[in-house]
């Protein structure tokens, strides 16, 4: 491992690797902590999403709450913490929808996605670097936003789609 850069959340590693077929190549890898995301379901048929400014794309993105899993946390603990911080929610129930890599072509990021029944929405407590607005909308409206291209975040698209399939809902 040759660390080229180490930042607040990511590390860039460039190493020489040998592939299973014997070919060698330079591998550029972004090392990123494991993450958690959740589709918060509120009052049975509403979903709580975030309109979050993402400096990397210099735009606001509509997405589900998400964050990294701290070194002393299990994914379920991070889920409860993130929902409390980002949308001010108390979690009533949660269930895993997906677990896997986000972009295995260049990143080690591994994410666990849940849906969570939430209650008692209070004021969110975002971190100073988070510029977010909480959106409480009907689940059907979220599906329409996804189908019309207004939701461009892959983890959010996956969460909404898997929740629909799990619950036997139609678009």
Protein backbone atom coordinates (compact mmCIF):
# COMPACT_ATOMS: atom_id res chain seq x y z
CA UNK A 1 0.00 0.00 0.00
CA UNK A 2 1.36 3.41 -1.01
CA UNK A 3 -0.72 6.16 0.55
CA UNK A 4 -0.81 9.17 -1.77
CA UNK A 5 -3.24 11.19 0.33
CA UNK A 6 -4.98 10.81 3.68
CA UNK A 7 -7.85 13.18 4.44
CA UNK A 8 -10.71 13.60 6.89
CA UNK A 9 -12.65 10.64 5.48
CA UNK A 10 -10.81 9.17 2.52
CA UNK A 11 -7.39 7.76 1.80
CA UNK A 12 -5.99 7.39 -1.72
CA UNK A 13 -3.82 4.32 -2.15
CA UNK A 14 -1.89 3.55 -5.33
CA UNK A 15 -0.36 0.08 -5.43
CA UNK A 16 0.99 -2.35 -7.99
CA UNK A 17 -1.19 -5.50 -8.03
CA UNK A 18 -1.22 -8.80 -9.86
CA UNK A 19 -4.64 -9.87 -11.15
CA UNK A 20 -5.91 -13.49 -11.06
CA UNK A 21 -5.04 -13.77 -14.78
CA UNK A 22 -1.39 -12.87 -14.05
CA UNK A 23 -1.46 -9.35 -15.48
CA UNK A 24 -0.06 -6.55 -13.36
CA UNK A 25 -1.51 -3.07 -13.07
CA UNK A 26 -1.38 0.08 -11.00
CA UNK A 27 -4.43 0.10 -8.73
CA UNK A 28 -5.82 3.46 -7.61
CA UNK A 29 -8.06 2.81 -4.63
CA UNK A 30 -10.11 5.18 -2.48
CA UNK A 31 -10.23 3.71 1.02
CA UNK A 32 -13.49 4.82 2.66
CA UNK A 33 -15.18 3.79 5.92
CA UNK A 34 -18.25 1.58 5.95
CA UNK A 35 -21.49 3.53 5.76
CA UNK A 36 -25.15 3.22 6.61
CA UNK A 37 -28.28 4.68 4.99
CA UNK A 38 -31.99 4.46 5.71
CA UNK A 39 -35.30 5.14 4.05
CA UNK A 40 -37.29 6.66 6.93
CA UNK A 41 -41.01 5.84 6.81
CA UNK A 42 -43.17 8.25 8.80
CA UNK A 43 -46.88 7.99 9.60
CA UNK A 44 -47.26 4.88 7.46
CA UNK A 45 -47.15 6.39 3.97
CA UNK A 46 -44.72 9.30 4.18
CA UNK A 47 -40.98 9.27 3.67
CA UNK A 48 -38.43 11.66 5.15
CA UNK A 49 -35.74 12.65 2.67
CA UNK A 50 -32.96 15.20 2.70
CA UNK A 51 -32.24 17.98 0.26
CA UNK A 52 -28.49 18.14 0.85
CA UNK A 53 -25.88 20.39 -0.71
CA UNK A 54 -23.05 18.23 -2.06
CA UNK A 55 -19.97 20.37 -2.78
CA UNK A 56 -18.41 17.67 -5.00
CA UNK A 57 -21.20 18.17 -7.57
CA UNK A 58 -21.88 21.78 -6.51
CA UNK A 59 -25.61 21.15 -6.24
CA UNK A 60 -28.38 20.02 -3.93
CA UNK A 61 -29.18 16.30 -4.09
CA UNK A 62 -32.33 14.65 -2.77
CA UNK A 63 -31.34 11.58 -0.81
CA UNK A 64 -32.03 9.33 2.14
CA UNK A 65 -30.19 10.04 5.41
CA UNK A 66 -26.79 8.38 5.52
CA UNK A 67 -23.42 8.52 7.17
CA UNK A 68 -20.31 6.62 8.12
CA UNK A 69 -20.19 3.96 10.78
CA UNK A 70 -17.83 5.10 13.53
CA UNK A 71 -15.14 2.66 14.66
CA UNK A 72 -16.96 1.91 17.93
CA UNK A 73 -20.40 1.39 16.34
CA UNK A 74 -22.40 -1.41 14.80
CA UNK A 75 -24.40 -0.48 11.67
CA UNK A 76 -27.65 -0.45 13.67
CA UNK A 77 -26.21 2.04 16.15
CA UNK A 78 -25.01 4.29 13.32
CA UNK A 79 -28.47 4.08 11.74
CA UNK A 80 -30.17 5.31 14.91
CA UNK A 81 -27.57 8.07 15.41
CA UNK A 82 -27.76 9.31 11.81
CA UNK A 83 -31.56 9.43 11.79
CA UNK A 84 -31.54 11.38 15.04
CA UNK A 85 -28.91 13.85 13.82
CA UNK A 86 -30.03 14.37 10.23
CA UNK A 87 -33.83 14.30 10.47
CA UNK A 88 -34.49 14.48 14.22
CA UNK A 89 -36.21 11.09 14.25
CA UNK A 90 -36.71 8.50 16.91
CA UNK A 91 -36.54 5.00 15.39
CA UNK A 92 -39.42 2.67 16.14
CA UNK A 93 -38.42 -0.29 13.94
CA UNK A 94 -35.86 -1.01 11.21
CA UNK A 95 -35.08 -3.75 8.73
CA UNK A 96 -32.14 -4.31 6.41
CA UNK A 97 -32.78 -3.89 2.66
CA UNK A 98 -29.27 -4.21 1.22
CA UNK A 99 -25.62 -4.65 2.11
CA UNK A 100 -22.77 -4.29 -0.37
CA UNK A 101 -20.21 -2.16 -2.17
CA UNK A 102 -21.16 1.22 -3.64
CA UNK A 103 -18.44 1.59 -6.29
CA UNK A 104 -16.10 -1.42 -6.26
CA UNK A 105 -14.25 -0.22 -9.35
CA UNK A 106 -12.34 2.35 -7.29
CA UNK A 107 -13.59 2.47 -3.69
CA UNK A 108 -13.75 0.23 -0.63
CA UNK A 109 -16.97 1.90 0.54
CA UNK A 110 -19.41 -0.71 1.83
CA UNK A 111 -22.94 0.34 2.76
CA UNK A 112 -25.81 -1.18 4.69
CA UNK A 113 -29.21 0.21 3.70
CA UNK A 114 -32.29 -0.10 5.88
CA UNK A 115 -35.82 1.11 5.96
CA UNK A 116 -36.88 2.47 9.31
CA UNK A 117 -40.23 3.29 10.82
CA UNK A 118 -39.66 6.62 12.58
CA UNK A 119 -41.67 8.70 15.04
CA UNK A 120 -41.42 11.89 17.05
CA UNK A 121 -39.67 14.10 14.52
CA UNK A 122 -37.74 16.80 16.35
CA UNK A 123 -35.34 19.43 15.09
CA UNK A 124 -32.44 17.86 13.18
CA UNK A 125 -28.91 18.38 14.52
CA UNK A 126 -26.71 18.30 11.42
CA UNK A 127 -22.93 18.52 11.62
CA UNK A 128 -21.45 21.95 10.70
CA UNK A 129 -20.39 20.75 7.23
CA UNK A 130 -23.89 19.42 6.41
CA UNK A 131 -26.19 21.79 4.55
CA UNK A 132 -29.52 19.96 4.63
CA UNK A 133 -33.26 20.52 4.54
CA UNK A 134 -35.67 17.84 5.72
CA UNK A 135 -38.42 16.89 3.25
CA UNK A 136 -41.50 14.99 4.45
CA UNK A 137 -43.41 13.75 1.43
CA UNK A 138 -45.83 11.01 0.45
CA UNK A 139 -44.03 7.80 -0.56
CA UNK A 140 -45.73 7.91 -3.98
CA UNK A 141 -44.27 11.38 -4.52
CA UNK A 142 -40.80 10.00 -3.72
CA UNK A 143 -41.33 7.23 -6.29
CA UNK A 144 -42.44 9.81 -8.87
CA UNK A 145 -39.36 11.93 -8.08
CA UNK A 146 -37.20 8.86 -8.69
CA UNK A 147 -38.94 7.96 -11.95
CA UNK A 148 -38.79 11.55 -13.23
CA UNK A 149 -35.06 11.85 -12.53
CA UNK A 150 -35.30 14.26 -9.61
CA UNK A 151 -33.61 11.75 -7.31
CA UNK A 152 -30.13 11.16 -8.73
CA UNK A 153 -28.52 9.46 -5.73
CA UNK A 154 -27.98 5.72 -6.27
CA UNK A 155 -28.31 4.62 -2.62
CA UNK A 156 -31.61 6.49 -2.38
CA UNK A 157 -32.89 5.01 -5.63
CA UNK A 158 -31.96 1.55 -4.39
CA UNK A 159 -33.60 2.11 -0.99
CA UNK A 160 -36.87 3.32 -2.54
CA UNK A 161 -36.94 0.51 -5.11
CA UNK A 162 -36.14 -2.26 -2.65
CA UNK A 163 -38.72 -0.95 -0.17
CA UNK A 164 -41.35 -1.02 -2.95
CA UNK A 165 -40.43 -4.61 -3.82
CA UNK A 166 -40.36 -5.72 -0.19
CA UNK A 167 -43.79 -4.22 0.50
CA UNK A 168 -45.29 -5.32 -2.83
CA UNK A 169 -46.02 -1.73 -3.86
CA UNK A 170 -46.44 -0.56 -7.43
CA UNK A 171 -45.03 2.56 -9.07
